[in-house]
Each structure stands twice: as structure tokens, then as C-alpha cells.
């Protein structure tokens, strides 16, 4: 099934069920009012929502309405945690090669991960608000999962059973702030503002054969200022699948229902597929000619991130955002 959270003036929005073709929706009121409520009681509530989903797809839902992604908050507007990995090692290799740095061997066996802010996510059509263009504004097109409860010590294969929903993410980065933060030895903080997510989150079965081995075997499109800059293949080159990323967190602690885990920037060795973040394009330019040429984003720039299924239809709806200054 496909689910979204409509803005209603509250912090968590109202849970809605969305049709497979993203044309119509129905409030889940009476079953579950909020996404977190569903995640907390998944086994009891999800079958009831699946029934509503089937009725909606058949055109028989009595109170259906036209689905509007502009009315959406993030599917889970605030979360227990947001942990973002770097599962595509090609991205790490490119960025490090551009600055003549070796990739440590451990990076191939132990996932990179950082803890992001989870109290303030952006909806798919919300502006990305930044206080200065000098911060080096960059988009990052990613895939993310929302989990149920996963116990400490759970194996990677078992962790896959804890995945409830999948969605797309724009994990915005402020590149000019990153070096000084990393130099402190304590990781990202100010350089990682609010993350945006796709209009809808979908259960793994909605992906059918494209969901294999904890990876989404579909192409992720990034369109910057109306120009397609990336059509990357999200499946084969994902070094660590989502089960491994979740198990990495579970090594020392429990993961609770409503945790979001990201894939990191989707990246391919074939440069003709384009890029899912500007930093990677700049790394390629540095490798090829000794210096980056592509500038980071400016106020007024737009970014659209979308993934289509085998039938050509949008799976998650599109993240469609504009970069805007902070109003003073």
C-alpha cells in the first residue's frame, strides 16, 4: 500500500491512504490518525489499511478525494531517529579520489553512518530554506526506509523483516560547512539541515520484483533547474543493503518503530548515468581536469527527485523543491 501524511496544522499531520497511481486518496481516520500510530501497532492496523487501499484502487472508496502532493508533509513528519548511511561505496571512492585520499579497507565491510536531525523534516514540495548561498547548497537523492521495532543484535537478513515502508529522500548538504565540522572529529551537524522526503511511503510489496535483497532495483532521476542531471541505478551497486544498514545500528542498541534509515547518495561507476548530488559531479570534474567547474545551488534553483516503476508510473511521487533564503 501507499501512505502519506496530509498537513492539517498539527505537528504530525493526518494519515491518508493513496491509490497505486497516486491519483486519489482517503483519510485513514477511524483506523489510524497518524503515521506513528500505525508504526506502533503495525500488525493490528496495517491489514485494515490494506483493505481500504484495495477499496480505493477499485474506485469504491466512498470519501476518496484527488491526491495533491503539495498538501503533504513528510510521510513521517518527525521521527524517533534519522540515521543516514553511505551505502554506495562508489560515491565515497570518487569524493576521496578527487582529493587524493585512499579509501580505508574498513569502508568496504563496515558502513559509514551519521545521526541526522529527526525533529523537523520537510514535505516533498516545501522550500529548502538556507541562510546563505555561501554555505555550498547541495541536494542528495537517496532512498530511505522506515522501520518497526528491531532488537539489538539482529542480523542483517533478519533486519530486513523490520522494514515497514520505503520512500525517497533529499538529504540536503551544506558542503562549505562540512570540512570544518569533520575536522573537529565529531561528525556532521550544522552542515546537515532538514531532510525532505517523497509524498508517499510504500510497503515493500508495492515494488514487486524491484525489491530484491534489501535493495530497490529501479532508476532514480534527479532534475536540477529543469535539466535531468542523474538517472542512476539504485540496485546493483548498493554495497550495503538496508538490512546491513539496520543491523549496523543494532550492533549496540535497539531500533524503535518509526526510525528512518537512509541509503546515502545513489551512485554508479558509469558516469554517463549522471549524478545524485553536485559534490559527486565536482569530484568527477576534479579527477578529469584538476578542478571542479559546476557551482553549488543558488536561491531560486529547483530540484526534482523521482523514481518510476516498470510501468512508467511514479512509485513514490516526486520531491519537488526550491532553494529559498531565510525570511528576515
C-alpha atoms as a PDB file:
ATOM      1  CA  UNK A   1       0.000   0.000   0.000  1.00  0.00           C
ATOM      2  CA  UNK A   2       0.929   3.654  -0.336  1.00  0.00           C
ATOM      3  CA  UNK A   3       0.625   6.108   2.541  1.00  0.00           C
ATOM      4  CA  UNK A   4       1.080   9.843   3.096  1.00  0.00           C
ATOM      5  CA  UNK A   5       0.625  12.450   5.816  1.00  0.00           C
ATOM      6  CA  UNK A   6      -1.507  15.464   4.921  1.00  0.00           C
ATOM      7  CA  UNK A   7      -0.765  18.808   6.556  1.00  0.00           C
ATOM      8  CA  UNK A   8      -3.513  19.860   8.945  1.00  0.00           C
ATOM      9  CA  UNK A   9      -1.767  22.409  11.158  1.00  0.00           C
ATOM     10  CA  UNK A  10      -0.584  19.819  13.672  1.00  0.00           C
ATOM     11  CA  UNK A  11       2.944  18.527  14.124  1.00  0.00           C
ATOM     12  CA  UNK A  12       2.187  15.062  12.725  1.00  0.00           C
ATOM     13  CA  UNK A  13      -0.468  15.618  10.063  1.00  0.00           C
ATOM     14  CA  UNK A  14      -3.236  13.199   9.157  1.00  0.00           C
ATOM     15  CA  UNK A  15      -2.525   9.762   7.757  1.00  0.00           C
ATOM     16  CA  UNK A  16      -4.000   9.137   4.316  1.00  0.00           C
ATOM     17  CA  UNK A  17      -4.066   6.077   2.082  1.00  0.00           C
ATOM     18  CA  UNK A  18      -3.052   6.878  -1.512  1.00  0.00           C
ATOM     19  CA  UNK A  19      -4.046   4.935  -4.620  1.00  0.00           C
ATOM     20  CA  UNK A  20      -1.424   2.989  -6.548  1.00  0.00           C
ATOM     21  CA  UNK A  21      -1.465   5.503  -9.421  1.00  0.00           C
ATOM     22  CA  UNK A  22      -1.259   8.441  -6.971  1.00  0.00           C
ATOM     23  CA  UNK A  23      -4.467   9.941  -8.355  1.00  0.00           C
ATOM     24  CA  UNK A  24      -6.712   9.645  -5.291  1.00  0.00           C
ATOM     25  CA  UNK A  25      -6.525   9.368  -1.530  1.00  0.00           C
ATOM     26  CA  UNK A  26      -8.674   8.626   1.511  1.00  0.00           C
ATOM     27  CA  UNK A  27      -8.191   9.682   5.116  1.00  0.00           C
ATOM     28  CA  UNK A  28      -7.297   6.784   7.395  1.00  0.00           C
ATOM     29  CA  UNK A  29      -9.367   8.324  10.205  1.00  0.00           C
ATOM     30  CA  UNK A  30     -11.062   5.579  12.206  1.00  0.00           C
ATOM     31  CA  UNK A  31      -8.141   3.207  11.679  1.00  0.00           C
ATOM     32  CA  UNK A  32      -5.086   5.342  12.439  1.00  0.00           C
ATOM     33  CA  UNK A  33      -4.865   9.117  12.599  1.00  0.00           C
ATOM     34  CA  UNK A  34      -1.087   9.427  12.380  1.00  0.00           C
ATOM     35  CA  UNK A  35       1.746   7.518  10.734  1.00  0.00           C
ATOM     36  CA  UNK A  36       3.499   6.885  14.051  1.00  0.00           C
ATOM     37  CA  UNK A  37       0.312   5.365  15.453  1.00  0.00           C
ATOM     38  CA  UNK A  38       0.339   2.878  12.585  1.00  0.00           C
ATOM     39  CA  UNK A  39       4.011   2.040  13.080  1.00  0.00           C
ATOM     40  CA  UNK A  40       3.497   1.486  16.817  1.00  0.00           C
ATOM     41  CA  UNK A  41       0.693  -1.032  16.193  1.00  0.00           C
ATOM     42  CA  UNK A  42       1.565  -2.265  12.703  1.00  0.00           C
ATOM     43  CA  UNK A  43       0.349  -5.870  12.896  1.00  0.00           C
ATOM     44  CA  UNK A  44      -3.130  -4.853  14.014  1.00  0.00           C
ATOM     45  CA  UNK A  45      -3.661  -1.692  11.957  1.00  0.00           C
ATOM     46  CA  UNK A  46      -1.917  -2.374   8.646  1.00  0.00           C
ATOM     47  CA  UNK A  47      -4.347  -5.119   7.492  1.00  0.00           C
ATOM     48  CA  UNK A  48      -7.234  -2.685   7.972  1.00  0.00           C
ATOM     49  CA  UNK A  49      -5.437  -0.047   5.922  1.00  0.00           C
ATOM     50  CA  UNK A  50      -4.683  -2.616   3.224  1.00  0.00           C
ATOM     51  CA  UNK A  51      -8.415  -3.269   2.918  1.00  0.00           C
ATOM     52  CA  UNK A  52      -9.020   0.452   2.486  1.00  0.00           C
ATOM     53  CA  UNK A  53      -6.202   0.588  -0.060  1.00  0.00           C
ATOM     54  CA  UNK A  54      -7.791  -2.138  -2.165  1.00  0.00           C
ATOM     55  CA  UNK A  55     -11.168  -0.422  -1.997  1.00  0.00           C
ATOM     56  CA  UNK A  56      -9.561   2.853  -3.071  1.00  0.00           C
ATOM     57  CA  UNK A  57      -7.798   1.212  -6.025  1.00  0.00           C
ATOM     58  CA  UNK A  58     -11.092  -0.312  -7.125  1.00  0.00           C
ATOM     59  CA  UNK A  59     -12.698   3.122  -7.165  1.00  0.00           C
ATOM     60  CA  UNK A  60     -15.172   2.150  -4.458  1.00  0.00           C
ATOM     61  CA  UNK A  61     -13.978   4.268  -1.526  1.00  0.00           C
ATOM     62  CA  UNK A  62     -16.910   6.487  -0.557  1.00  0.00           C
ATOM     63  CA  UNK A  63     -14.965   9.531   0.587  1.00  0.00           C
ATOM     64  CA  UNK A  64     -11.990   9.497  -1.772  1.00  0.00           C
ATOM     65  CA  UNK A  65     -10.539  12.791  -2.986  1.00  0.00           C
ATOM     66  CA  UNK A  66      -7.912  13.869  -5.519  1.00  0.00           C
ATOM     67  CA  UNK A  67      -4.414  13.382  -4.137  1.00  0.00           C
ATOM     68  CA  UNK A  68      -2.290  16.553  -4.027  1.00  0.00           C
ATOM     69  CA  UNK A  69       1.398  16.117  -3.119  1.00  0.00           C
ATOM     70  CA  UNK A  70       1.634  19.842  -2.332  1.00  0.00           C
ATOM     71  CA  UNK A  71      -0.546  19.178   0.723  1.00  0.00           C
ATOM     72  CA  UNK A  72       1.851  16.538   2.026  1.00  0.00           C
ATOM     73  CA  UNK A  73       4.218  16.724   4.924  1.00  0.00           C
ATOM     74  CA  UNK A  74       6.961  14.114   5.037  1.00  0.00           C
ATOM     75  CA  UNK A  75       5.277  10.683   5.357  1.00  0.00           C
ATOM     76  CA  UNK A  76       6.613  10.596   8.923  1.00  0.00           C
ATOM     77  CA  UNK A  77       6.823  14.325   9.801  1.00  0.00           C
ATOM     78  CA  UNK A  78       9.075  13.735  12.817  1.00  0.00           C
ATOM     79  CA  UNK A  79      10.778  10.505  13.769  1.00  0.00           C
ATOM     80  CA  UNK A  80      12.375   8.597  16.623  1.00  0.00           C
ATOM     81  CA  UNK A  81      15.631   8.814  14.708  1.00  0.00           C
ATOM     82  CA  UNK A  82      17.085   9.577  11.279  1.00  0.00           C
ATOM     83  CA  UNK A  83      20.252   7.603  10.588  1.00  0.00           C
ATOM     84  CA  UNK A  84      21.782   8.074   7.153  1.00  0.00           C
ATOM     85  CA  UNK A  85      24.304   5.675   5.702  1.00  0.00           C
ATOM     86  CA  UNK A  86      26.701   5.864   2.783  1.00  0.00           C
ATOM     87  CA  UNK A  87      25.834   2.568   1.171  1.00  0.00           C
ATOM     88  CA  UNK A  88      27.137   3.331  -2.321  1.00  0.00           C
ATOM     89  CA  UNK A  89      30.899   2.976  -1.960  1.00  0.00           C
ATOM     90  CA  UNK A  90      31.436   4.414  -5.450  1.00  0.00           C
ATOM     91  CA  UNK A  91      30.366   7.801  -4.082  1.00  0.00           C
ATOM     92  CA  UNK A  92      32.969   7.580  -1.333  1.00  0.00           C
ATOM     93  CA  UNK A  93      35.647   6.452  -3.797  1.00  0.00           C
ATOM     94  CA  UNK A  94      35.000   9.383  -6.137  1.00  0.00           C
ATOM     95  CA  UNK A  95      34.995  12.043  -3.432  1.00  0.00           C
ATOM     96  CA  UNK A  96      38.197  10.674  -1.897  1.00  0.00           C
ATOM     97  CA  UNK A  97      39.948  10.216  -5.237  1.00  0.00           C
ATOM     98  CA  UNK A  98      39.249  13.858  -6.058  1.00  0.00           C
ATOM     99  CA  UNK A  99      41.286  14.909  -3.022  1.00  0.00           C
ATOM    100  CA  UNK A 100      43.937  12.180  -3.475  1.00  0.00           C
ATOM    101  CA  UNK A 101      42.844  10.259  -0.398  1.00  0.00           C
ATOM    102  CA  UNK A 102      42.713   6.487  -0.066  1.00  0.00           C
ATOM    103  CA  UNK A 103      39.533   4.647   0.926  1.00  0.00           C
ATOM    104  CA  UNK A 104      40.221   2.714   4.154  1.00  0.00           C
ATOM    105  CA  UNK A 105      39.651  -1.032   3.796  1.00  0.00           C
ATOM    106  CA  UNK A 106      37.119  -0.953   6.642  1.00  0.00           C
ATOM    107  CA  UNK A 107      34.783   1.155   4.475  1.00  0.00           C
ATOM    108  CA  UNK A 108      34.102  -1.926   2.342  1.00  0.00           C
ATOM    109  CA  UNK A 109      32.997  -4.043   5.293  1.00  0.00           C
ATOM    110  CA  UNK A 110      31.607  -1.582   7.837  1.00  0.00           C
ATOM    111  CA  UNK A 111      29.011   1.011   6.712  1.00  0.00           C
ATOM    112  CA  UNK A 112      29.503   4.725   7.232  1.00  0.00           C
ATOM    113  CA  UNK A 113      26.585   6.300   9.072  1.00  0.00           C
ATOM    114  CA  UNK A 114      25.693   9.569  10.762  1.00  0.00           C
ATOM    115  CA  UNK A 115      22.820  10.583  13.048  1.00  0.00           C
ATOM    116  CA  UNK A 116      20.781  13.406  11.482  1.00  0.00           C
ATOM    117  CA  UNK A 117      18.157  15.694  12.935  1.00  0.00           C
ATOM    118  CA  UNK A 118      14.765  13.989  13.091  1.00  0.00           C
ATOM    119  CA  UNK A 119      12.617  16.644  14.755  1.00  0.00           C
ATOM    120  CA  UNK A 120      11.940  18.765  11.655  1.00  0.00           C
ATOM    121  CA  UNK A 121      11.570  17.101   8.264  1.00  0.00           C
ATOM    122  CA  UNK A 122      10.440  18.855   5.090  1.00  0.00           C
ATOM    123  CA  UNK A 123       7.480  17.905   2.952  1.00  0.00           C
ATOM    124  CA  UNK A 124       8.132  16.980  -0.691  1.00  0.00           C
ATOM    125  CA  UNK A 125       7.200  20.419  -2.028  1.00  0.00           C
ATOM    126  CA  UNK A 126       8.464  22.585   0.833  1.00  0.00           C
ATOM    127  CA  UNK A 127      11.176  25.125   0.097  1.00  0.00           C
ATOM    128  CA  UNK A 128      14.705  24.355   1.258  1.00  0.00           C
ATOM    129  CA  UNK A 129      15.438  27.373   3.466  1.00  0.00           C
ATOM    130  CA  UNK A 130      19.099  28.345   3.802  1.00  0.00           C
ATOM    131  CA  UNK A 131      20.570  31.451   5.431  1.00  0.00           C
ATOM    132  CA  UNK A 132      23.403  31.898   2.905  1.00  0.00           C
ATOM    133  CA  UNK A 133      24.312  30.762  -0.612  1.00  0.00           C
ATOM    134  CA  UNK A 134      27.925  30.704   0.585  1.00  0.00           C
ATOM    135  CA  UNK A 135      27.207  27.522   2.535  1.00  0.00           C
ATOM    136  CA  UNK A 136      27.553  25.394  -0.634  1.00  0.00           C
ATOM    137  CA  UNK A 137      23.977  24.154  -1.050  1.00  0.00           C
ATOM    138  CA  UNK A 138      23.702  20.635  -2.465  1.00  0.00           C
ATOM    139  CA  UNK A 139      20.905  18.139  -2.974  1.00  0.00           C
ATOM    140  CA  UNK A 140      21.377  14.418  -2.304  1.00  0.00           C
ATOM    141  CA  UNK A 141      18.960  11.965  -3.934  1.00  0.00           C
ATOM    142  CA  UNK A 142      18.552   8.885  -1.764  1.00  0.00           C
ATOM    143  CA  UNK A 143      16.270   6.026  -0.781  1.00  0.00           C
ATOM    144  CA  UNK A 144      15.142   5.586   2.823  1.00  0.00           C
ATOM    145  CA  UNK A 145      13.225   3.024   4.862  1.00  0.00           C
ATOM    146  CA  UNK A 146      11.023   3.348   7.934  1.00  0.00           C
ATOM    147  CA  UNK A 147      11.381   0.524  10.436  1.00  0.00           C
ATOM    148  CA  UNK A 148       9.328  -1.244  13.018  1.00  0.00           C
ATOM    149  CA  UNK A 149      10.986  -2.406  16.248  1.00  0.00           C
ATOM    150  CA  UNK A 150      14.301  -4.171  15.575  1.00  0.00           C
ATOM    151  CA  UNK A 151      16.137  -5.665  18.535  1.00  0.00           C
ATOM    152  CA  UNK A 152      19.788  -5.157  19.405  1.00  0.00           C
ATOM    153  CA  UNK A 153      21.931  -7.906  17.886  1.00  0.00           C
ATOM    154  CA  UNK A 154      19.587  -8.608  14.981  1.00  0.00           C
ATOM    155  CA  UNK A 155      21.343  -9.995  11.897  1.00  0.00           C
ATOM    156  CA  UNK A 156      21.292  -8.234   8.538  1.00  0.00           C
ATOM    157  CA  UNK A 157      18.921 -10.773   6.987  1.00  0.00           C
ATOM    158  CA  UNK A 158      16.566 -10.656   9.959  1.00  0.00           C
ATOM    159  CA  UNK A 159      16.655  -6.853   9.951  1.00  0.00           C
ATOM    160  CA  UNK A 160      15.023  -6.830   6.514  1.00  0.00           C
ATOM    161  CA  UNK A 161      11.861  -8.136   8.173  1.00  0.00           C
ATOM    162  CA  UNK A 162      11.754  -4.952  10.247  1.00  0.00           C
ATOM    163  CA  UNK A 163      11.309  -2.691   7.206  1.00  0.00           C
ATOM    164  CA  UNK A 164       7.782  -1.328   7.065  1.00  0.00           C
ATOM    165  CA  UNK A 165       7.938   1.364   4.379  1.00  0.00           C
ATOM    166  CA  UNK A 166      10.234   2.834   1.730  1.00  0.00           C
ATOM    167  CA  UNK A 167      10.442   6.396   0.404  1.00  0.00           C
ATOM    168  CA  UNK A 168      12.781   8.837  -1.355  1.00  0.00           C
ATOM    169  CA  UNK A 169      14.866  11.474   0.387  1.00  0.00           C
ATOM    170  CA  UNK A 170      16.612  14.737  -0.403  1.00  0.00           C
ATOM    171  CA  UNK A 171      19.309  14.793   2.255  1.00  0.00           C
ATOM    172  CA  UNK A 172      20.366  18.413   1.797  1.00  0.00           C
ATOM    173  CA  UNK A 173      24.039  19.143   2.482  1.00  0.00           C
ATOM    174  CA  UNK A 174      25.809  22.447   3.055  1.00  0.00           C
ATOM    175  CA  UNK A 175      29.164  21.497   1.577  1.00  0.00           C
ATOM    176  CA  UNK A 176      31.141  24.561   2.617  1.00  0.00           C
ATOM    177  CA  UNK A 177      30.393  23.856   6.288  1.00  0.00           C
ATOM    178  CA  UNK A 178      31.399  20.186   6.196  1.00  0.00           C
ATOM    179  CA  UNK A 179      35.240  20.375   6.253  1.00  0.00           C
ATOM    180  CA  UNK A 180      35.431  22.438   9.451  1.00  0.00           C
ATOM    181  CA  UNK A 181      32.893  20.217  11.184  1.00  0.00           C
ATOM    182  CA  UNK A 182      34.649  16.982  10.230  1.00  0.00           C
ATOM    183  CA  UNK A 183      37.970  18.462  11.306  1.00  0.00           C
ATOM    184  CA  UNK A 184      36.605  18.614  14.840  1.00  0.00           C
ATOM    185  CA  UNK A 185      36.339  14.811  14.772  1.00  0.00           C
ATOM    186  CA  UNK A 186      32.701  14.731  15.836  1.00  0.00           C
ATOM    187  CA  UNK A 187      30.788  14.472  12.548  1.00  0.00           C
ATOM    188  CA  UNK A 188      28.106  16.428  10.683  1.00  0.00           C
ATOM    189  CA  UNK A 189      25.834  18.871  12.463  1.00  0.00           C
ATOM    190  CA  UNK A 190      25.196  22.362  11.063  1.00  0.00           C
ATOM    191  CA  UNK A 191      26.114  21.111   7.596  1.00  0.00           C
ATOM    192  CA  UNK A 192      23.032  18.869   7.554  1.00  0.00           C
ATOM    193  CA  UNK A 193      19.791  20.910   7.624  1.00  0.00           C
ATOM    194  CA  UNK A 194      16.282  19.458   7.449  1.00  0.00           C
ATOM    195  CA  UNK A 195      15.822  16.451   5.147  1.00  0.00           C
ATOM    196  CA  UNK A 196      12.886  16.211   2.721  1.00  0.00           C
ATOM    197  CA  UNK A 197      11.012  13.033   1.847  1.00  0.00           C
ATOM    198  CA  UNK A 198       8.770  11.918  -1.008  1.00  0.00           C
ATOM    199  CA  UNK A 199       4.983  12.485  -0.888  1.00  0.00           C
ATOM    200  CA  UNK A 200       4.244   8.830  -0.228  1.00  0.00           C
ATOM    201  CA  UNK A 201       5.894   5.930   1.536  1.00  0.00           C
ATOM    202  CA  UNK A 202       5.212   2.454   0.167  1.00  0.00           C
ATOM    203  CA  UNK A 203       5.277  -1.048   1.566  1.00  0.00           C
ATOM    204  CA  UNK A 204       7.986  -3.280   0.059  1.00  0.00           C
ATOM    205  CA  UNK A 205       5.418  -5.456  -1.743  1.00  0.00           C
ATOM    206  CA  UNK A 206       4.402  -2.426  -3.843  1.00  0.00           C
ATOM    207  CA  UNK A 207       7.810  -2.649  -5.532  1.00  0.00           C
ATOM    208  CA  UNK A 208       7.161  -6.249  -6.556  1.00  0.00           C
ATOM    209  CA  UNK A 209      10.248  -7.709  -8.265  1.00  0.00           C
ATOM    210  CA  UNK A 210      12.167  -4.442  -7.949  1.00  0.00           C
ATOM    211  CA  UNK A 211      12.646  -5.105  -4.207  1.00  0.00           C
ATOM    212  CA  UNK A 212      15.365  -7.758  -4.046  1.00  0.00           C
ATOM    213  CA  UNK A 213      17.999  -8.460  -1.432  1.00  0.00           C
ATOM    214  CA  UNK A 214      17.220  -5.324   0.545  1.00  0.00           C
ATOM    215  CA  UNK A 215      17.799  -3.116  -2.500  1.00  0.00           C
ATOM    216  CA  UNK A 216      15.481  -1.174  -4.834  1.00  0.00           C
ATOM    217  CA  UNK A 217      16.266  -2.146  -8.414  1.00  0.00           C
ATOM    218  CA  UNK A 218      14.879   0.932 -10.135  1.00  0.00           C
ATOM    219  CA  UNK A 219      16.349   4.140 -11.549  1.00  0.00           C
ATOM    220  CA  UNK A 220      16.430   7.347  -9.527  1.00  0.00           C
ATOM    221  CA  UNK A 221      16.003  10.560 -11.506  1.00  0.00           C
ATOM    222  CA  UNK A 222      17.377  13.951 -10.421  1.00  0.00           C
ATOM    223  CA  UNK A 223      16.286  17.070 -12.324  1.00  0.00           C
ATOM    224  CA  UNK A 224      18.095  20.308 -11.413  1.00  0.00           C
ATOM    225  CA  UNK A 225      16.591  23.544 -12.757  1.00  0.00           C
ATOM    226  CA  UNK A 226      14.553  21.580 -15.286  1.00  0.00           C
ATOM    227  CA  UNK A 227      17.517  19.579 -16.626  1.00  0.00           C
ATOM    228  CA  UNK A 228      17.951  15.906 -15.891  1.00  0.00           C
ATOM    229  CA  UNK A 229      21.374  15.525 -14.296  1.00  0.00           C
ATOM    230  CA  UNK A 230      21.044  11.962 -12.994  1.00  0.00           C
ATOM    231  CA  UNK A 231      19.312   8.705 -13.846  1.00  0.00           C
ATOM    232  CA  UNK A 232      21.189   6.413 -11.513  1.00  0.00           C
ATOM    233  CA  UNK A 233      20.501   2.721 -10.984  1.00  0.00           C
ATOM    234  CA  UNK A 234      19.737   2.247  -7.300  1.00  0.00           C
ATOM    235  CA  UNK A 235      20.078  -1.531  -7.166  1.00  0.00           C
ATOM    236  CA  UNK A 236      23.231  -3.359  -8.241  1.00  0.00           C
ATOM    237  CA  UNK A 237      25.888  -1.001  -6.872  1.00  0.00           C
ATOM    238  CA  UNK A 238      24.436  -0.566  -3.379  1.00  0.00           C
ATOM    239  CA  UNK A 239      27.363  -2.004  -1.423  1.00  0.00           C
ATOM    240  CA  UNK A 240      25.437  -2.382   1.843  1.00  0.00           C
ATOM    241  CA  UNK A 241      21.744  -3.311   1.605  1.00  0.00           C
ATOM    242  CA  UNK A 242      19.166  -1.922   4.009  1.00  0.00           C
ATOM    243  CA  UNK A 243      19.298  -4.975   6.253  1.00  0.00           C
ATOM    244  CA  UNK A 244      23.017  -4.408   6.739  1.00  0.00           C
ATOM    245  CA  UNK A 245      22.483  -0.722   7.486  1.00  0.00           C
ATOM    246  CA  UNK A 246      19.837  -1.500  10.113  1.00  0.00           C
ATOM    247  CA  UNK A 247      21.980  -4.274  11.613  1.00  0.00           C
ATOM    248  CA  UNK A 248      24.848  -1.773  11.864  1.00  0.00           C
ATOM    249  CA  UNK A 249      22.685   0.402  14.141  1.00  0.00           C
ATOM    250  CA  UNK A 250      21.532  -2.661  16.076  1.00  0.00           C
ATOM    251  CA  UNK A 251      25.047  -3.710  16.991  1.00  0.00           C
ATOM    252  CA  UNK A 252      24.810  -1.798  20.274  1.00  0.00           C
ATOM    253  CA  UNK A 253      21.187  -0.673  20.652  1.00  0.00           C
ATOM    254  CA  UNK A 254      17.578  -1.325  19.783  1.00  0.00           C
ATOM    255  CA  UNK A 255      15.906   0.361  16.821  1.00  0.00           C
ATOM    256  CA  UNK A 256      12.378   1.507  17.605  1.00  0.00           C
ATOM    257  CA  UNK A 257       9.328   1.734  15.375  1.00  0.00           C
ATOM    258  CA  UNK A 258       9.434   4.977  13.441  1.00  0.00           C
ATOM    259  CA  UNK A 259      13.180   5.047  12.850  1.00  0.00           C
ATOM    260  CA  UNK A 260      14.265   6.192   9.379  1.00  0.00           C
ATOM    261  CA  UNK A 261      17.401   4.778   7.750  1.00  0.00           C
ATOM    262  CA  UNK A 262      18.839   6.306   4.571  1.00  0.00           C
ATOM    263  CA  UNK A 263      20.944   4.804   1.802  1.00  0.00           C
ATOM    264  CA  UNK A 264      23.200   7.761   1.194  1.00  0.00           C
ATOM    265  CA  UNK A 265      23.690   9.271  -2.266  1.00  0.00           C
ATOM    266  CA  UNK A 266      22.801   6.795  -5.026  1.00  0.00           C
ATOM    267  CA  UNK A 267      25.915   6.451  -7.183  1.00  0.00           C
ATOM    268  CA  UNK A 268      27.095   4.447 -10.209  1.00  0.00           C
ATOM    269  CA  UNK A 269      30.531   3.743 -11.667  1.00  0.00           C
ATOM    270  CA  UNK A 270      29.167   4.554 -15.122  1.00  0.00           C
ATOM    271  CA  UNK A 271      29.487   8.345 -15.194  1.00  0.00           C
ATOM    272  CA  UNK A 272      27.118   8.581 -18.160  1.00  0.00           C
ATOM    273  CA  UNK A 273      24.252   7.892 -15.745  1.00  0.00           C
ATOM    274  CA  UNK A 274      24.833  11.297 -14.205  1.00  0.00           C
ATOM    275  CA  UNK A 275      24.867  12.167 -10.547  1.00  0.00           C
ATOM    276  CA  UNK A 276      22.626  12.290  -7.479  1.00  0.00           C
ATOM    277  CA  UNK A 277      24.487  15.151  -5.790  1.00  0.00           C
ATOM    278  CA  UNK A 278      26.579  18.073  -7.033  1.00  0.00           C
ATOM    279  CA  UNK A 279      29.573  17.104  -4.893  1.00  0.00           C
ATOM    280  CA  UNK A 280      29.958  13.945  -6.956  1.00  0.00           C
ATOM    281  CA  UNK A 281      29.848  15.900 -10.221  1.00  0.00           C
ATOM    282  CA  UNK A 282      32.512  18.238  -8.874  1.00  0.00           C
ATOM    283  CA  UNK A 283      34.634  15.238  -7.845  1.00  0.00           C
ATOM    284  CA  UNK A 284      34.426  13.825 -11.372  1.00  0.00           C
ATOM    285  CA  UNK A 285      35.415  17.202 -12.828  1.00  0.00           C
ATOM    286  CA  UNK A 286      38.391  17.374 -10.471  1.00  0.00           C
ATOM    287  CA  UNK A 287      39.515  13.874 -11.461  1.00  0.00           C
ATOM    288  CA  UNK A 288      39.187  14.682 -15.168  1.00  0.00           C
ATOM    289  CA  UNK A 289      40.566  18.223 -15.325  1.00  0.00           C
ATOM    290  CA  UNK A 290      42.108  19.055 -11.972  1.00  0.00           C
ATOM    291  CA  UNK A 291      39.404  21.406 -10.697  1.00  0.00           C
ATOM    292  CA  UNK A 292      35.612  21.498 -10.224  1.00  0.00           C
ATOM    293  CA  UNK A 293      33.529  23.564 -12.639  1.00  0.00           C
ATOM    294  CA  UNK A 294      29.943  23.060 -11.501  1.00  0.00           C
ATOM    295  CA  UNK A 295      28.734  25.541  -8.887  1.00  0.00           C
ATOM    296  CA  UNK A 296      26.535  24.612  -5.956  1.00  0.00           C
ATOM    297  CA  UNK A 297      22.865  25.637  -5.796  1.00  0.00           C
ATOM    298  CA  UNK A 298      21.628  29.216  -5.622  1.00  0.00           C
ATOM    299  CA  UNK A 299      18.442  30.806  -4.320  1.00  0.00           C
ATOM    300  CA  UNK A 300      15.674  30.159  -6.826  1.00  0.00           C
ATOM    301  CA  UNK A 301      17.151  26.860  -8.021  1.00  0.00           C
ATOM    302  CA  UNK A 302      14.814  23.853  -8.173  1.00  0.00           C
ATOM    303  CA  UNK A 303      15.405  20.144  -7.631  1.00  0.00           C
ATOM    304  CA  UNK A 304      13.053  17.294  -8.530  1.00  0.00           C
ATOM    305  CA  UNK A 305      13.745  13.721  -7.407  1.00  0.00           C
ATOM    306  CA  UNK A 306      11.583  10.833  -8.610  1.00  0.00           C
ATOM    307  CA  UNK A 307      11.599   7.079  -9.218  1.00  0.00           C
ATOM    308  CA  UNK A 308       9.401   5.310 -11.759  1.00  0.00           C
ATOM    309  CA  UNK A 309       8.355   1.680 -11.819  1.00  0.00           C
ATOM    310  CA  UNK A 310       8.350  -0.803 -14.666  1.00  0.00           C
ATOM    311  CA  UNK A 311       5.008   0.550 -15.855  1.00  0.00           C
ATOM    312  CA  UNK A 312       6.403   4.072 -16.127  1.00  0.00           C
ATOM    313  CA  UNK A 313       4.324   5.358 -13.223  1.00  0.00           C
ATOM    314  CA  UNK A 314       5.790   7.309 -10.336  1.00  0.00           C
ATOM    315  CA  UNK A 315       6.297   4.985  -7.367  1.00  0.00           C
ATOM    316  CA  UNK A 316       6.684   7.499  -4.514  1.00  0.00           C
ATOM    317  CA  UNK A 317       5.603  10.728  -6.161  1.00  0.00           C
ATOM    318  CA  UNK A 318       8.202  13.447  -6.661  1.00  0.00           C
ATOM    319  CA  UNK A 319      10.246  15.555  -4.296  1.00  0.00           C
ATOM    320  CA  UNK A 320       9.941  18.950  -5.993  1.00  0.00           C
ATOM    321  CA  UNK A 321      11.633  21.778  -4.116  1.00  0.00           C
ATOM    322  CA  UNK A 322      13.021  25.301  -4.489  1.00  0.00           C
ATOM    323  CA  UNK A 323      16.016  26.791  -2.692  1.00  0.00           C
ATOM    324  CA  UNK A 324      14.968  29.923  -0.800  1.00  0.00           C
ATOM    325  CA  UNK A 325      16.549  32.399   1.637  1.00  0.00           C
ATOM    326  CA  UNK A 326      15.517  32.698   5.250  1.00  0.00           C
ATOM    327  CA  UNK A 327      12.944  35.470   5.623  1.00  0.00           C
ATOM    328  CA  UNK A 328      14.208  38.174   7.978  1.00  0.00           C
END
